Amino acid sequence: NGTVFKVQAVILWLLAGAALVLAVSSLYECI
């Protein structure tokens, strides 16, 4: 509960999403 936790979750999801896109594109290039 709390708005600060929702903001934290959005920040973490953006960080994880950016890392996932970069990692998958690099993995695709390797394969």
PDB file of all heavy atoms in Angstrom:
ATOM      1  N   ASN A   1       0.837  -1.200   0.000  1.00  0.00           N
ATOM      2  CA  ASN A   1       0.000   0.000   0.000  1.00  0.00           C
ATOM      3  C   ASN A   1       0.869   1.246   0.000  1.00  0.00           C
ATOM      4  O   ASN A   1       1.875   1.319   0.697  1.00  0.00           O
ATOM      5  CB  ASN A   1      -0.916   0.013   1.227  1.00  0.00           C
ATOM      6  CG  ASN A   1      -1.971  -1.062   1.139  1.00  0.00           C
ATOM      7  OD1 ASN A   1      -2.358  -1.462   0.051  1.00  0.00           O
ATOM      8  ND2 ASN A   1      -2.430  -1.528   2.280  1.00  0.00           N
ATOM      9  N   GLY A   2       0.469   2.220  -0.790  1.00  0.00           N
ATOM     10  CA  GLY A   2       1.184   3.500  -0.822  1.00  0.00           C
ATOM     11  C   GLY A   2       1.612   3.864  -2.231  1.00  0.00           C
ATOM     12  O   GLY A   2       1.982   3.011  -3.026  1.00  0.00           O
ATOM     13  N   THR A   3       1.566   5.142  -2.499  1.00  0.00           N
ATOM     14  CA  THR A   3       1.934   5.625  -3.826  1.00  0.00           C
ATOM     15  C   THR A   3       3.432   5.477  -4.082  1.00  0.00           C
ATOM     16  O   THR A   3       3.843   5.201  -5.210  1.00  0.00           O
ATOM     17  CB  THR A   3       1.532   7.103  -3.963  1.00  0.00           C
ATOM     18  OG1 THR A   3       0.151   7.233  -3.633  1.00  0.00           O
ATOM     19  CG2 THR A   3       1.757   7.610  -5.360  1.00  0.00           C
ATOM     20  N   VAL A   4       4.234   5.635  -3.053  1.00  0.00           N
ATOM     21  CA  VAL A   4       5.682   5.544  -3.233  1.00  0.00           C
ATOM     22  C   VAL A   4       6.079   4.143  -3.716  1.00  0.00           C
ATOM     23  O   VAL A   4       6.991   4.002  -4.537  1.00  0.00           O
ATOM     24  CB  VAL A   4       6.431   5.941  -1.940  1.00  0.00           C
ATOM     25  CG1 VAL A   4       6.245   4.921  -0.849  1.00  0.00           C
ATOM     26  CG2 VAL A   4       7.904   6.145  -2.217  1.00  0.00           C
ATOM     27  N   PHE A   5       5.384   3.109  -3.272  1.00  0.00           N
ATOM     28  CA  PHE A   5       5.704   1.755  -3.715  1.00  0.00           C
ATOM     29  C   PHE A   5       5.288   1.536  -5.166  1.00  0.00           C
ATOM     30  O   PHE A   5       5.947   0.803  -5.902  1.00  0.00           O
ATOM     31  CB  PHE A   5       5.035   0.733  -2.798  1.00  0.00           C
ATOM     32  CG  PHE A   5       5.539   0.802  -1.384  1.00  0.00           C
ATOM     33  CD1 PHE A   5       4.699   1.128  -0.343  1.00  0.00           C
ATOM     34  CD2 PHE A   5       6.867   0.556  -1.092  1.00  0.00           C
ATOM     35  CE1 PHE A   5       5.159   1.203   0.953  1.00  0.00           C
ATOM     36  CE2 PHE A   5       7.352   0.624   0.200  1.00  0.00           C
ATOM     37  CZ  PHE A   5       6.493   0.955   1.233  1.00  0.00           C
ATOM     38  N   LYS A   6       4.199   2.170  -5.591  1.00  0.00           N
ATOM     39  CA  LYS A   6       3.778   2.069  -6.988  1.00  0.00           C
ATOM     40  C   LYS A   6       4.810   2.747  -7.897  1.00  0.00           C
ATOM     41  O   LYS A   6       5.147   2.237  -8.966  1.00  0.00           O
ATOM     42  CB  LYS A   6       2.409   2.712  -7.199  1.00  0.00           C
ATOM     43  CG  LYS A   6       1.314   2.215  -6.288  1.00  0.00           C
ATOM     44  CD  LYS A   6       0.994   0.761  -6.501  1.00  0.00           C
ATOM     45  CE  LYS A   6      -0.239   0.393  -5.692  1.00  0.00           C
ATOM     46  NZ  LYS A   6      -0.116  -0.787  -4.904  1.00  0.00           N
ATOM     47  N   VAL A   7       5.324   3.889  -7.461  1.00  0.00           N
ATOM     48  CA  VAL A   7       6.352   4.596  -8.232  1.00  0.00           C
ATOM     49  C   VAL A   7       7.622   3.755  -8.306  1.00  0.00           C
ATOM     50  O   VAL A   7       8.251   3.644  -9.370  1.00  0.00           O
ATOM     51  CB  VAL A   7       6.629   5.985  -7.614  1.00  0.00           C
ATOM     52  CG1 VAL A   7       7.846   6.639  -8.243  1.00  0.00           C
ATOM     53  CG2 VAL A   7       5.416   6.867  -7.739  1.00  0.00           C
ATOM     54  N   GLN A   8       7.996   3.145  -7.203  1.00  0.00           N
ATOM     55  CA  GLN A   8       9.174   2.279  -7.192  1.00  0.00           C
ATOM     56  C   GLN A   8       8.998   1.105  -8.146  1.00  0.00           C
ATOM     57  O   GLN A   8       9.929   0.736  -8.875  1.00  0.00           O
ATOM     58  CB  GLN A   8       9.430   1.756  -5.784  1.00  0.00           C
ATOM     59  CG  GLN A   8       9.895   2.795  -4.815  1.00  0.00           C
ATOM     60  CD  GLN A   8       9.955   2.262  -3.396  1.00  0.00           C
ATOM     61  OE1 GLN A   8       9.638   1.107  -3.134  1.00  0.00           O
ATOM     62  NE2 GLN A   8      10.348   3.112  -2.476  1.00  0.00           N
ATOM     63  N   ALA A   9       7.810   0.516  -8.161  1.00  0.00           N
ATOM     64  CA  ALA A   9       7.549  -0.619  -9.032  1.00  0.00           C
ATOM     65  C   ALA A   9       7.653  -0.211 -10.500  1.00  0.00           C
ATOM     66  O   ALA A   9       8.233  -0.935 -11.319  1.00  0.00           O
ATOM     67  CB  ALA A   9       6.180  -1.211  -8.737  1.00  0.00           C
ATOM     68  N   VAL A  10       7.132   0.952 -10.832  1.00  0.00           N
ATOM     69  CA  VAL A  10       7.211   1.426 -12.219  1.00  0.00           C
ATOM     70  C   VAL A  10       8.668   1.666 -12.617  1.00  0.00           C
ATOM     71  O   VAL A  10       9.091   1.292 -13.719  1.00  0.00           O
ATOM     72  CB  VAL A  10       6.357   2.692 -12.408  1.00  0.00           C
ATOM     73  CG1 VAL A  10       6.644   3.360 -13.735  1.00  0.00           C
ATOM     74  CG2 VAL A  10       4.883   2.358 -12.292  1.00  0.00           C
ATOM     75  N   ILE A  11       9.449   2.262 -11.731  1.00  0.00           N
ATOM     76  CA  ILE A  11      10.868   2.500 -12.015  1.00  0.00           C
ATOM     77  C   ILE A  11      11.598   1.177 -12.219  1.00  0.00           C
ATOM     78  O   ILE A  11      12.388   1.023 -13.161  1.00  0.00           O
ATOM     79  CB  ILE A  11      11.520   3.331 -10.886  1.00  0.00           C
ATOM     80  CG1 ILE A  11      10.955   4.748 -10.883  1.00  0.00           C
ATOM     81  CG2 ILE A  11      13.038   3.364 -11.039  1.00  0.00           C
ATOM     82  CD1 ILE A  11      11.348   5.554  -9.660  1.00  0.00           C
ATOM     83  N   LEU A  12      11.327   0.195 -11.364  1.00  0.00           N
ATOM     84  CA  LEU A  12      11.981  -1.105 -11.504  1.00  0.00           C
ATOM     85  C   LEU A  12      11.547  -1.820 -12.776  1.00  0.00           C
ATOM     86  O   LEU A  12      12.365  -2.466 -13.443  1.00  0.00           O
ATOM     87  CB  LEU A  12      11.685  -1.976 -10.280  1.00  0.00           C
ATOM     88  CG  LEU A  12      12.443  -1.616  -9.015  1.00  0.00           C
ATOM     89  CD1 LEU A  12      11.936  -2.437  -7.842  1.00  0.00           C
ATOM     90  CD2 LEU A  12      13.929  -1.841  -9.209  1.00  0.00           C
ATOM     91  N   TRP A  13      10.263  -1.727 -13.121  1.00  0.00           N
ATOM     92  CA  TRP A  13       9.799  -2.369 -14.349  1.00  0.00           C
ATOM     93  C   TRP A  13      10.426  -1.716 -15.579  1.00  0.00           C
ATOM     94  O   TRP A  13      10.762  -2.403 -16.543  1.00  0.00           O
ATOM     95  CB  TRP A  13       8.284  -2.351 -14.432  1.00  0.00           C
ATOM     96  CG  TRP A  13       7.641  -3.449 -13.641  1.00  0.00           C
ATOM     97  CD1 TRP A  13       8.120  -4.708 -13.455  1.00  0.00           C
ATOM     98  CD2 TRP A  13       6.408  -3.396 -12.930  1.00  0.00           C
ATOM     99  NE1 TRP A  13       7.271  -5.436 -12.663  1.00  0.00           N
ATOM    100  CE2 TRP A  13       6.207  -4.662 -12.330  1.00  0.00           C
ATOM    101  CE3 TRP A  13       5.457  -2.404 -12.733  1.00  0.00           C
ATOM    102  CZ2 TRP A  13       5.099  -4.958 -11.570  1.00  0.00           C
ATOM    103  CZ3 TRP A  13       4.340  -2.704 -11.973  1.00  0.00           C
ATOM    104  CH2 TRP A  13       4.172  -3.963 -11.396  1.00  0.00           C
ATOM    105  N   LEU A  14      10.601  -0.400 -15.566  1.00  0.00           N
ATOM    106  CA  LEU A  14      11.273   0.265 -16.682  1.00  0.00           C
ATOM    107  C   LEU A  14      12.737  -0.158 -16.777  1.00  0.00           C
ATOM    108  O   LEU A  14      13.255  -0.403 -17.870  1.00  0.00           O
ATOM    109  CB  LEU A  14      11.159   1.780 -16.543  1.00  0.00           C
ATOM    110  CG  LEU A  14       9.778   2.368 -16.808  1.00  0.00           C
ATOM    111  CD1 LEU A  14       9.766   3.858 -16.477  1.00  0.00           C
ATOM    112  CD2 LEU A  14       9.363   2.139 -18.238  1.00  0.00           C
ATOM    113  N   LEU A  15      13.411  -0.248 -15.638  1.00  0.00           N
ATOM    114  CA  LEU A  15      14.801  -0.696 -15.613  1.00  0.00           C
ATOM    115  C   LEU A  15      14.917  -2.131 -16.127  1.00  0.00           C
ATOM    116  O   LEU A  15      15.757  -2.429 -16.985  1.00  0.00           O
ATOM    117  CB  LEU A  15      15.367  -0.601 -14.189  1.00  0.00           C
ATOM    118  CG  LEU A  15      16.747  -1.215 -13.967  1.00  0.00           C
ATOM    119  CD1 LEU A  15      17.805  -0.361 -14.645  1.00  0.00           C
ATOM    120  CD2 LEU A  15      17.025  -1.353 -12.495  1.00  0.00           C
ATOM    121  N   ALA A  16      14.072  -3.004 -15.628  1.00  0.00           N
ATOM    122  CA  ALA A  16      14.122  -4.400 -16.056  1.00  0.00           C
ATOM    123  C   ALA A  16      13.739  -4.540 -17.522  1.00  0.00           C
ATOM    124  O   ALA A  16      14.325  -5.348 -18.250  1.00  0.00           O
ATOM    125  CB  ALA A  16      13.207  -5.249 -15.179  1.00  0.00           C
ATOM    126  N   GLY A  17      12.767  -3.762 -17.964  1.00  0.00           N
ATOM    127  CA  GLY A  17      12.363  -3.828 -19.366  1.00  0.00           C
ATOM    128  C   GLY A  17      13.458  -3.378 -20.306  1.00  0.00           C
ATOM    129  O   GLY A  17      13.701  -4.008 -21.339  1.00  0.00           O
ATOM    130  N   ALA A  18      14.132  -2.294 -19.962  1.00  0.00           N
ATOM    131  CA  ALA A  18      15.241  -1.812 -20.792  1.00  0.00           C
ATOM    132  C   ALA A  18      16.379  -2.833 -20.830  1.00  0.00           C
ATOM    133  O   ALA A  18      16.936  -3.115 -21.896  1.00  0.00           O
ATOM    134  CB  ALA A  18      15.746  -0.475 -20.266  1.00  0.00           C
ATOM    135  N   ALA A  19      16.706  -3.402 -19.677  1.00  0.00           N
ATOM    136  CA  ALA A  19      17.773  -4.415 -19.629  1.00  0.00           C
ATOM    137  C   ALA A  19      17.365  -5.660 -20.406  1.00  0.00           C
ATOM    138  O   ALA A  19      18.188  -6.265 -21.107  1.00  0.00           O
ATOM    139  CB  ALA A  19      18.085  -4.779 -18.186  1.00  0.00           C
ATOM    140  N   LEU A  20      16.099  -6.035 -20.321  1.00  0.00           N
ATOM    141  CA  LEU A  20      15.626  -7.218 -21.036  1.00  0.00           C
ATOM    142  C   LEU A  20      15.671  -7.003 -22.544  1.00  0.00           C
ATOM    143  O   LEU A  20      16.099  -7.894 -23.289  1.00  0.00           O
ATOM    144  CB  LEU A  20      14.205  -7.565 -20.588  1.00  0.00           C
ATOM    145  CG  LEU A  20      13.617  -8.858 -21.143  1.00  0.00           C
ATOM    146  CD1 LEU A  20      14.437 -10.057 -20.694  1.00  0.00           C
ATOM    147  CD2 LEU A  20      12.179  -9.011 -20.703  1.00  0.00           C
ATOM    148  N   VAL A  21      15.272  -5.838 -23.015  1.00  0.00           N
ATOM    149  CA  VAL A  21      15.310  -5.549 -24.453  1.00  0.00           C
ATOM    150  C   VAL A  21      16.750  -5.583 -24.956  1.00  0.00           C
ATOM    151  O   VAL A  21      17.037  -6.186 -26.000  1.00  0.00           O
ATOM    152  CB  VAL A  21      14.645  -4.184 -24.749  1.00  0.00           C
ATOM    153  CG1 VAL A  21      14.978  -3.697 -26.143  1.00  0.00           C
ATOM    154  CG2 VAL A  21      13.147  -4.285 -24.567  1.00  0.00           C
ATOM    155  N   LEU A  22      17.667  -4.962 -24.235  1.00  0.00           N
ATOM    156  CA  LEU A  22      19.068  -4.960 -24.652  1.00  0.00           C
ATOM    157  C   LEU A  22      19.679  -6.362 -24.618  1.00  0.00           C
ATOM    158  O   LEU A  22      20.426  -6.749 -25.521  1.00  0.00           O
ATOM    159  CB  LEU A  22      19.875  -4.002 -23.775  1.00  0.00           C
ATOM    160  CG  LEU A  22      19.545  -2.519 -23.947  1.00  0.00           C
ATOM    161  CD1 LEU A  22      20.294  -1.690 -22.919  1.00  0.00           C
ATOM    162  CD2 LEU A  22      19.866  -2.064 -25.344  1.00  0.00           C
ATOM    163  N   ALA A  23      19.362  -7.118 -23.586  1.00  0.00           N
ATOM    164  CA  ALA A  23      19.917  -8.469 -23.473  1.00  0.00           C
ATOM    165  C   ALA A  23      19.362  -9.395 -24.546  1.00  0.00           C
ATOM    166  O   ALA A  23      20.107 -10.183 -25.142  1.00  0.00           O
ATOM    167  CB  ALA A  23      19.634  -9.041 -22.088  1.00  0.00           C
ATOM    168  N   VAL A  24      18.077  -9.300 -24.816  1.00  0.00           N
ATOM    169  CA  VAL A  24      17.488 -10.160 -25.837  1.00  0.00           C
ATOM    170  C   VAL A  24      18.002  -9.790 -27.226  1.00  0.00           C
ATOM    171  O   VAL A  24      18.257 -10.676 -28.051  1.00  0.00           O
ATOM    172  CB  VAL A  24      15.944 -10.104 -25.768  1.00  0.00           C
ATOM    173  CG1 VAL A  24      15.305 -10.732 -26.977  1.00  0.00           C
ATOM    174  CG2 VAL A  24      15.463 -10.804 -24.505  1.00  0.00           C
ATOM    175  N   SER A  25      18.179  -8.503 -27.497  1.00  0.00           N
ATOM    176  CA  SER A  25      18.726  -8.117 -28.803  1.00  0.00           C
ATOM    177  C   SER A  25      20.165  -8.608 -28.962  1.00  0.00           C
ATOM    178  O   SER A  25      20.554  -9.075 -30.039  1.00  0.00           O
ATOM    179  CB  SER A  25      18.637  -6.611 -29.006  1.00  0.00           C
ATOM    180  OG  SER A  25      19.498  -5.937 -28.126  1.00  0.00           O
ATOM    181  N   SER A  26      20.944  -8.544 -27.903  1.00  0.00           N
ATOM    182  CA  SER A  26      22.306  -9.063 -27.953  1.00  0.00           C
ATOM    183  C   SER A  26      22.313 -10.588 -28.104  1.00  0.00           C
ATOM    184  O   SER A  26      23.124 -11.143 -28.845  1.00  0.00           O
ATOM    185  CB  SER A  26      23.064  -8.655 -26.690  1.00  0.00           C
ATOM    186  OG  SER A  26      24.358  -9.174 -26.699  1.00  0.00           O
ATOM    187  N   LEU A  27      21.406 -11.233 -27.407  1.00  0.00           N
ATOM    188  CA  LEU A  27      21.295 -12.687 -27.528  1.00  0.00           C
ATOM    189  C   LEU A  27      20.873 -13.086 -28.937  1.00  0.00           C
ATOM    190  O   LEU A  27      21.398 -14.056 -29.495  1.00  0.00           O
ATOM    191  CB  LEU A  27      20.300 -13.213 -26.495  1.00  0.00           C
ATOM    192  CG  LEU A  27      20.143 -14.717 -26.371  1.00  0.00           C
ATOM    193  CD1 LEU A  27      21.463 -15.362 -25.981  1.00  0.00           C
ATOM    194  CD2 LEU A  27      19.082 -15.038 -25.340  1.00  0.00           C
ATOM    195  N   TYR A  28      19.953 -12.340 -29.529  1.00  0.00           N
ATOM    196  CA  TYR A  28      19.526 -12.620 -30.902  1.00  0.00           C
ATOM    197  C   TYR A  28      20.685 -12.444 -31.879  1.00  0.00           C
ATOM    198  O   TYR A  28      20.858 -13.245 -32.804  1.00  0.00           O
ATOM    199  CB  TYR A  28      18.355 -11.716 -31.289  1.00  0.00           C
ATOM    200  CG  TYR A  28      17.908 -11.931 -32.708  1.00  0.00           C
ATOM    201  CD1 TYR A  28      17.165 -13.053 -33.056  1.00  0.00           C
ATOM    202  CD2 TYR A  28      18.230 -11.020 -33.706  1.00  0.00           C
ATOM    203  CE1 TYR A  28      16.765 -13.259 -34.363  1.00  0.00           C
ATOM    204  CE2 TYR A  28      17.831 -11.224 -35.009  1.00  0.00           C
ATOM    205  CZ  TYR A  28      17.099 -12.340 -35.335  1.00  0.00           C
ATOM    206  OH  TYR A  28      16.711 -12.547 -36.624  1.00  0.00           O
ATOM    207  N   GLU A  29      21.495 -11.412 -31.665  1.00  0.00           N
ATOM    208  CA  GLU A  29      22.655 -11.196 -32.522  1.00  0.00           C
ATOM    209  C   GLU A  29      23.641 -12.357 -32.411  1.00  0.00           C
ATOM    210  O   GLU A  29      24.186 -12.818 -33.420  1.00  0.00           O
ATOM    211  CB  GLU A  29      23.336  -9.885 -32.148  1.00  0.00           C
ATOM    212  CG  GLU A  29      24.556  -9.568 -32.973  1.00  0.00           C
ATOM    213  CD  GLU A  29      25.266  -8.307 -32.530  1.00  0.00           C
ATOM    214  OE1 GLU A  29      24.718  -7.576 -31.696  1.00  0.00           O
ATOM    215  OE2 GLU A  29      26.376  -8.074 -33.023  1.00  0.00           O
ATOM    216  N   CYS A  30      23.856 -12.843 -31.189  1.00  0.00           N
ATOM    217  CA  CYS A  30      24.770 -13.976 -30.985  1.00  0.00           C
ATOM    218  C   CYS A  30      24.247 -15.231 -31.670  1.00  0.00           C
ATOM    219  O   CYS A  30      24.992 -15.949 -32.343  1.00  0.00           O
ATOM    220  CB  CYS A  30      24.957 -14.240 -29.495  1.00  0.00           C
ATOM    221  SG  CYS A  30      25.824 -12.951 -28.611  1.00  0.00           S
ATOM    222  N   ILE A  31      22.974 -15.499 -31.506  1.00  0.00           N
ATOM    223  CA  ILE A  31      22.401 -16.709 -32.088  1.00  0.00           C
ATOM    224  C   ILE A  31      22.398 -16.632 -33.609  1.00  0.00           C
ATOM    225  O   ILE A  31      22.698 -17.613 -34.297  1.00  0.00           O
ATOM    226  CB  ILE A  31      20.992 -16.958 -31.513  1.00  0.00           C
ATOM    227  CG1 ILE A  31      21.122 -17.355 -30.049  1.00  0.00           C
ATOM    228  CG2 ILE A  31      20.244 -18.007 -32.302  1.00  0.00           C
ATOM    229  CD1 ILE A  31      19.815 -17.468 -29.319  1.00  0.00           C
TER     230      ILE A  31
END
